[in-house]
Protein backbone atom coordinates (compact mmCIF):
# COMPACT_ATOMS: atom_id res chain seq x y z
CA MET A 1 304.50 110.82 171.35
CA LEU A 2 305.35 112.10 167.89
CA ALA A 3 305.20 115.89 167.81
CA SER A 4 306.50 119.00 166.12
CA TRP A 5 308.03 121.90 168.04
CA TYR A 6 310.28 124.92 167.79
CA ASP A 7 312.57 126.47 170.38
CA GLN A 8 313.46 129.59 168.43
CA HIS A 9 311.77 131.84 165.90
CA GLY A 10 312.49 131.61 162.21
CA PRO A 11 311.54 130.10 158.85
CA ALA A 12 309.50 126.92 159.06
CA ALA A 13 312.11 124.67 157.46
CA ASP A 14 314.81 125.99 159.80
CA VAL A 15 313.07 125.86 163.19
CA LEU A 16 310.30 123.24 163.08
CA ASN A 17 311.43 119.91 164.50
CA VAL A 18 309.59 116.59 164.32
CA GLY A 19 310.39 113.84 166.80
CA GLU A 20 309.48 112.25 170.11
CA LEU A 21 308.31 114.19 173.17
CA PRO A 22 306.88 112.86 176.46
CA ASP A 23 303.17 112.12 176.42
CA PRO A 24 301.28 114.94 178.19
CA GLN A 25 298.99 114.17 181.12
CA PRO A 26 295.77 116.03 181.93
CA GLY A 27 295.55 117.97 185.16
CA PRO A 28 292.42 118.86 187.13
CA GLY A 29 289.66 120.10 184.84
CA GLU A 30 291.57 119.05 181.72
CA VAL A 31 291.26 116.39 179.04
CA ARG A 32 293.81 114.78 176.80
CA VAL A 33 292.88 114.50 173.13
CA ARG A 34 294.37 112.01 170.69
CA VAL A 35 294.77 114.31 167.70
CA ASN A 36 293.78 113.10 164.25
CA VAL A 37 293.89 116.39 162.36
CA SER A 38 295.55 119.68 163.36
CA GLY A 39 294.51 122.97 161.73
CA VAL A 40 297.10 125.58 160.72
CA ASN A 41 296.20 129.27 161.04
CA PRO A 42 298.06 132.45 160.03
CA GLY A 43 298.34 133.23 163.74
CA ASP A 44 300.28 129.99 164.26
CA THR A 45 302.85 130.86 161.61
CA LYS A 46 303.12 134.46 162.84
CA LYS A 47 303.94 133.18 166.33
CA ARG A 48 306.58 130.89 164.84
CA ARG A 49 308.15 133.80 162.93
CA GLY A 50 308.19 136.12 165.96
CA TRP A 51 305.77 138.53 164.32
CA HIS A 52 306.12 142.17 165.43
CA GLY A 53 309.29 141.36 167.31
CA SER A 54 307.62 139.13 169.88
CA SER A 55 309.89 136.97 172.00
CA MET A 56 309.58 133.23 172.57
CA PRO A 57 306.76 132.92 175.15
CA TYR A 58 308.05 129.52 176.32
CA PRO A 59 311.38 127.72 175.86
CA ARG A 60 309.67 125.16 173.62
CA VAL A 61 306.41 125.55 171.66
CA VAL A 62 304.32 122.82 170.04
CA PRO A 63 302.34 124.93 167.55
CA HIS A 64 298.68 125.12 166.48
CA SER A 65 295.53 125.84 168.43
CA ASP A 66 292.89 123.90 166.45
CA ALA A 67 292.32 120.17 166.06
CA ALA A 68 289.90 117.27 165.88
CA GLY A 69 290.34 113.96 167.63
CA VAL A 70 289.15 111.77 170.50
CA ILE A 71 289.38 112.30 174.27
CA ASP A 72 291.49 109.44 175.59
CA GLU A 73 292.23 110.58 179.17
CA ILE A 74 290.45 112.85 181.61
CA GLY A 75 291.68 114.83 184.59
CA GLU A 76 290.21 115.13 188.05
CA GLY A 77 286.80 116.77 188.08
CA VAL A 78 285.92 115.97 184.47
CA ASP A 79 282.87 113.85 183.66
CA PRO A 80 284.26 110.32 183.10
CA LEU A 81 281.70 109.78 180.33
CA ARG A 82 283.73 112.15 178.17
CA ALA A 83 286.40 109.49 177.65
CA GLY A 84 286.14 108.23 174.07
CA GLU A 85 284.20 111.28 172.86
CA ARG A 86 284.95 112.74 169.42
CA VAL A 87 285.79 116.43 169.80
CA TRP A 88 287.03 119.53 168.08
CA VAL A 89 289.58 121.61 169.97
CA TYR A 90 290.17 125.34 170.13
CA GLY A 91 292.73 127.50 171.93
CA ALA A 92 295.20 124.70 172.64
CA GLN A 93 298.20 126.99 172.16
CA SER A 94 296.59 130.17 173.46
CA TYR A 95 298.69 131.21 176.46
CA ARG A 96 299.88 127.61 176.66
CA PRO A 97 303.12 126.09 175.33
CA PHE A 98 301.89 122.87 173.75
CA GLY A 99 299.36 122.93 170.95
CA THR A 100 297.89 120.37 168.58
CA ALA A 101 300.79 119.56 166.22
CA ALA A 102 301.30 116.30 168.09
CA GLN A 103 299.72 112.93 168.69
CA TYR A 104 298.26 114.23 171.96
CA THR A 105 297.27 117.61 173.31
CA VAL A 106 295.89 118.63 176.72
CA VAL A 107 293.30 121.39 177.05
CA PRO A 108 290.76 122.62 179.61
CA ASP A 109 287.63 120.49 179.47
CA HIS A 110 285.44 123.15 177.80
CA GLN A 111 287.93 123.67 174.98
CA ALA A 112 287.28 120.15 173.71
CA VAL A 113 283.83 120.41 172.13
CA ARG A 114 281.78 117.36 171.21
CA LEU A 115 281.93 116.74 167.45
CA PRO A 116 278.76 115.08 166.11
CA ASP A 117 279.44 111.72 164.53
CA HIS A 118 278.28 112.77 161.05
CA LEU A 119 280.79 115.65 160.87
CA SER A 120 284.31 115.11 159.59
CA ASP A 121 287.56 115.65 161.47
CA GLU A 122 288.56 118.06 158.69
CA LEU A 123 285.60 120.31 159.43
CA GLY A 124 286.14 120.01 163.17
CA ALA A 125 289.78 121.04 162.88
CA SER A 126 288.69 124.12 160.90
CA LEU A 127 286.25 125.60 163.42
CA GLY A 128 288.57 126.99 166.09
CA ILE A 129 290.32 130.29 165.41
CA PRO A 130 288.53 131.13 162.13
CA GLY A 131 285.13 130.01 163.35
CA ILE A 132 285.23 131.71 166.74
CA THR A 133 286.61 134.90 165.16
CA ALA A 134 283.83 134.82 162.58
CA HIS A 135 281.20 134.24 165.24
CA ARG A 136 282.42 137.17 167.31
CA ALA A 137 282.49 139.43 164.27
CA VAL A 138 278.92 138.56 163.34
CA PHE A 139 277.18 138.17 166.71
CA ALA A 140 279.11 140.23 169.30
CA ASP A 141 276.60 143.06 168.93
CA GLY A 142 273.47 140.95 169.05
CA PRO A 143 271.26 138.88 166.74
CA VAL A 144 271.43 139.48 162.99
CA ASP A 145 268.02 138.21 161.90
CA GLY A 146 266.68 140.61 159.28
CA ARG A 147 269.92 142.63 159.12
CA ILE A 148 272.25 143.22 156.19
CA ILE A 149 275.82 142.08 156.78
CA LEU A 150 278.75 143.01 154.55
CA VAL A 151 281.54 140.42 154.67
CA HIS A 152 284.84 141.42 153.11
CA GLY A 153 287.07 138.62 151.87
CA VAL A 154 284.09 136.30 151.72
CA LEU A 155 286.17 133.47 150.24
CA GLY A 156 288.73 133.55 153.06
CA GLY A 157 288.92 131.35 156.13
CA VAL A 158 287.19 133.77 158.52
CA GLY A 159 285.11 135.51 155.87
CA SER A 160 283.51 132.36 154.49
CA LEU A 161 282.51 131.17 157.97
CA ALA A 162 281.24 134.65 158.89
CA ALA A 163 279.01 134.68 155.81
CA GLN A 164 277.64 131.23 156.59
CA LEU A 165 277.02 132.08 160.25
CA ALA A 166 275.30 135.35 159.31
CA ARG A 167 273.06 133.52 156.84
CA TRP A 168 272.35 130.84 159.47
CA GLY A 169 271.40 133.67 161.84
CA GLY A 170 268.85 135.07 159.40
CA ALA A 171 270.84 137.91 157.82
CA THR A 172 271.13 138.96 154.21
CA VAL A 173 274.80 138.70 153.26
CA ILE A 174 276.69 140.89 150.83
CA GLY A 175 280.20 139.62 150.18
CA THR A 176 283.26 141.11 148.54
CA VAL A 177 286.10 139.47 146.64
CA ARG A 178 289.30 141.08 145.46
CA HIS A 179 288.94 140.29 141.76
CA GLY A 180 286.05 139.93 139.38
CA SER A 181 287.43 136.57 138.31
CA ASP A 182 286.60 135.26 141.81
CA LEU A 183 282.89 136.07 141.64
CA ASP A 184 281.93 132.67 140.24
CA ARG A 185 283.42 131.00 143.35
CA VAL A 186 280.92 132.68 145.69
CA ASP A 187 278.06 130.46 146.88
CA PRO A 188 274.74 132.21 146.04
CA ALA A 189 272.94 130.08 148.61
CA VAL A 190 274.92 131.92 151.31
CA VAL A 191 275.85 135.26 149.75
CA SER A 192 272.87 137.08 148.25
CA HIS A 193 275.03 139.63 146.42
CA ALA A 194 278.75 139.54 145.61
CA VAL A 195 280.87 142.55 144.64
CA ALA A 196 284.41 142.64 143.27
CA LEU A 197 286.62 145.29 144.84
CA ASP A 198 288.46 145.78 141.55
CA SER A 199 285.22 146.86 139.84
CA ALA A 200 284.73 150.50 138.89
CA HIS A 201 282.40 151.49 141.74
CA PRO A 202 282.13 148.86 144.49
CA ALA A 203 280.47 151.25 146.95
CA THR A 204 277.74 152.05 144.43
CA ALA A 205 277.19 148.35 143.82
CA ILE A 206 276.90 147.61 147.55
CA ARG A 207 274.52 150.54 148.05
CA SER A 208 272.33 149.22 145.24
CA TYR A 209 271.77 146.11 147.35
CA ALA A 210 271.51 148.02 150.65
CA PRO A 211 270.04 151.48 149.90
CA GLU A 212 269.83 152.38 153.61
CA GLY A 213 273.30 151.00 154.26
CA VAL A 214 274.66 147.80 155.79
CA HIS A 215 274.17 147.16 159.48
CA ARG A 216 277.41 145.31 160.17
CA VAL A 217 280.72 144.91 158.39
CA VAL A 218 283.04 141.94 158.88
CA GLU A 219 286.37 143.50 158.00
CA VAL A 220 289.50 141.64 156.91
CA SER A 221 291.58 144.76 156.11
CA LEU A 222 290.53 147.95 157.85
CA SER A 223 293.33 150.01 156.28
CA ALA A 224 292.31 148.99 152.76
CA ASN A 225 288.54 149.32 153.20
CA ALA A 226 287.93 152.11 155.74
CA ASP A 227 286.70 154.61 153.14
CA LEU A 228 284.56 152.01 151.39
CA ASP A 229 283.03 150.94 154.70
CA ASN A 230 282.24 154.55 155.54
CA ALA A 231 280.47 154.92 152.19
CA VAL A 232 278.15 151.96 152.71
CA VAL A 233 277.34 151.76 156.44
CA ALA A 234 273.95 152.55 157.91
CA LEU A 235 273.45 154.79 160.93
CA ASP A 236 274.63 152.99 164.11
CA ALA A 237 276.42 150.28 162.12
CA VAL A 238 279.24 148.16 163.53
CA VAL A 239 282.53 147.57 161.74
CA ALA A 240 284.12 144.45 163.25
CA ALA A 241 287.74 144.24 162.12
CA TYR A 242 290.00 141.24 162.63
CA GLY A 243 292.79 142.39 160.29
CA THR A 244 294.53 145.32 158.66
CA HIS A 245 297.47 145.79 156.33
CA ALA A 246 298.78 149.07 157.78
CA ASP A 247 299.71 148.89 161.46
CA ARG A 248 298.75 152.55 161.94
CA THR A 249 295.47 152.58 160.09
CA GLU A 250 293.91 155.88 158.99
CA LEU A 251 290.15 156.32 159.36
CA PRO A 252 287.62 158.84 158.00
CA PHE A 253 286.92 159.80 161.59
CA TRP A 254 284.29 162.52 161.29
CA PRO A 255 282.08 160.79 158.71
CA LEU A 256 282.15 157.61 160.80
CA LEU A 257 281.37 159.66 163.91
CA PHE A 258 278.40 161.37 162.28
CA ASN A 259 277.08 157.92 161.35
CA ASN A 260 277.55 156.81 164.98
CA VAL A 261 279.58 153.82 163.78
CA THR A 262 281.02 151.42 166.33
CA LEU A 263 284.49 150.08 165.55
CA ARG A 264 285.07 146.66 167.12
CA LEU A 265 288.61 145.21 167.00
CA LEU A 266 288.87 141.44 167.34
CA GLY A 267 291.82 139.59 168.86
CA SER A 268 290.73 135.97 169.14
CA ASP A 269 293.11 134.87 171.90
CA ASP A 270 291.51 137.34 174.29
CA PHE A 271 287.81 137.02 173.58
CA PRO A 272 285.81 136.61 176.82
CA THR A 273 285.52 132.98 177.87
CA ALA A 274 281.72 133.16 177.76
CA ALA A 275 281.87 134.44 174.18
CA LYS A 276 284.15 131.57 173.13
CA ARG A 277 281.86 129.01 174.74
CA GLN A 278 278.80 130.48 173.02
CA ALA A 279 280.67 130.52 169.72
CA ALA A 280 281.60 126.85 170.18
CA ARG A 281 277.97 125.92 170.84
CA ASP A 282 276.70 127.87 167.84
CA LEU A 283 279.40 126.62 165.49
CA THR A 284 278.65 123.03 166.42
CA ALA A 285 274.90 123.58 166.03
CA ALA A 286 275.28 125.26 162.64
CA ALA A 287 277.66 122.59 161.39
CA ALA A 288 275.36 119.83 162.61
CA VAL A 289 272.51 121.04 160.38
CA GLY A 290 274.76 121.47 157.35
CA ALA A 291 274.99 125.27 157.54
CA LEU A 292 278.81 125.31 157.61
CA THR A 293 281.28 123.99 155.10
CA VAL A 294 285.01 124.65 154.76
CA ASP A 295 287.15 124.74 151.63
CA ILE A 296 290.03 122.36 152.40
CA GLY A 297 293.27 123.09 150.58
CA ASP A 298 296.44 121.18 151.42
CA ARG A 299 296.65 118.19 153.76
CA CYS A 300 300.19 117.49 154.95
CA PRO A 301 301.44 114.72 157.24
CA LEU A 302 303.01 115.84 160.49
CA GLU A 303 306.44 114.99 159.09
CA ASP A 304 305.87 117.70 156.43
CA ILE A 305 304.61 120.38 158.81
CA ALA A 306 307.08 122.92 157.41
CA LYS A 307 305.36 122.60 154.03
CA ALA A 308 302.01 123.30 155.70
CA HIS A 309 303.37 126.45 157.38
CA ASP A 310 304.87 127.66 154.11
CA ARG A 311 301.53 127.10 152.41
CA VAL A 312 299.80 129.33 154.97
CA ASP A 313 302.55 131.97 154.82
CA THR A 314 302.18 132.27 151.05
CA GLY A 315 298.42 132.74 151.33
CA GLY A 316 297.22 129.87 149.19
CA ARG A 317 293.59 128.93 148.73
CA GLY A 318 291.70 126.83 151.28
CA ARG A 319 292.24 125.56 154.79
CA VAL A 320 295.59 123.88 155.51
CA LEU A 321 295.53 120.78 157.72
CA VAL A 322 298.18 118.54 159.23
CA THR A 323 297.28 114.87 159.63
CA VAL A 324 298.72 113.07 162.63
CA PRO A 325 299.66 109.37 162.45
CA HIS A 326 299.03 106.88 165.26
C-alpha cells in the first residue's frame, strides 16, 4: 500500500516519507478500512516533532488518528455485514504504531463508526480527535439542556464542534474569539452571543449575557483565561480545559475554590472507552441531522503530507485533510 511514515522525530519535510509498505491485516475484533480521507490534528504533528522531549514510541509510525473510508476486510469475531460499510475512524494511532496516513488502516471494530450515506468523507474525517474532545468537554459532567456554556476559541477545531454540540444538547452558547475582526465569522444560529477577547471588558460583556454566571467553560488556553473564567463562572461551574499555553499554569485558587469550581483536564488519548463510544454515537447522530459542520481548510494529496503538517503547525484556518489515492 501507499503510505506515509516517519522513523525519527523532526520537521515534516525532513522526516515524513511516502512510499510502499505492506498491506495491514485485521486481527481478531479488528477491521481494515480503505482510507479515502485522513484528518491531521495538532496532536499528530506534536508527536512527529517529539513534543516535550518524548521519544519515538515505535520504530516506525504511520501518523494520524482520524479518517473516513470503507471497511474492506474484517477480523475474526466481527459482524461480516460490516464489510463494505462507510465509516469514520478515530484513535487509529492512539497507542498504536500505524495510523490513517495510508491507503489502509486497521483499528478495533468499535473505532470504525458507521458514516451515514448523506454525510461526506470530509466531515467524517473531522470528527475524531476534535469531536470526541469537544463532546467530553461539553457532556462529561452531565446534560446541558437549559445551561449556559462558554466556549473559548469558538472558531477553532474543538471549539466550533463544542459549540455545535452544546447547542444540539439544548444549551445557550456564549463564544469568544481573539479579535473583534473575527466576530462576523461566528454563526449566530449556534452561538447566541459572541465576545472578542481583545475588547475592553470581555468579562463584563459575558456577564451581561449570563448575569448569574456560566455553568460550564470549554477552555482552549487555561493559562490565558483563568482569571477571566473565574470572573464569569457560576457557583459549582465546571471549567473543562483541553489546552494551555504555559506548562505550569497559575490559577486564582481561592476565588475558584469559594465558587466550588471543578477543573476538568482533558487528554483525548486516555478518555474512558465508554466515553469515547458515547461521543462517537452522539457525534454521528448530531451530524446526521445537520447539527454539525466543519470548516475545511487545506486538502493535500498524500504525496504532499509534509505541506499538510506544516499547515497545521503554523495554525492556519480550517481543518486540514490528506486525500489518499487508490
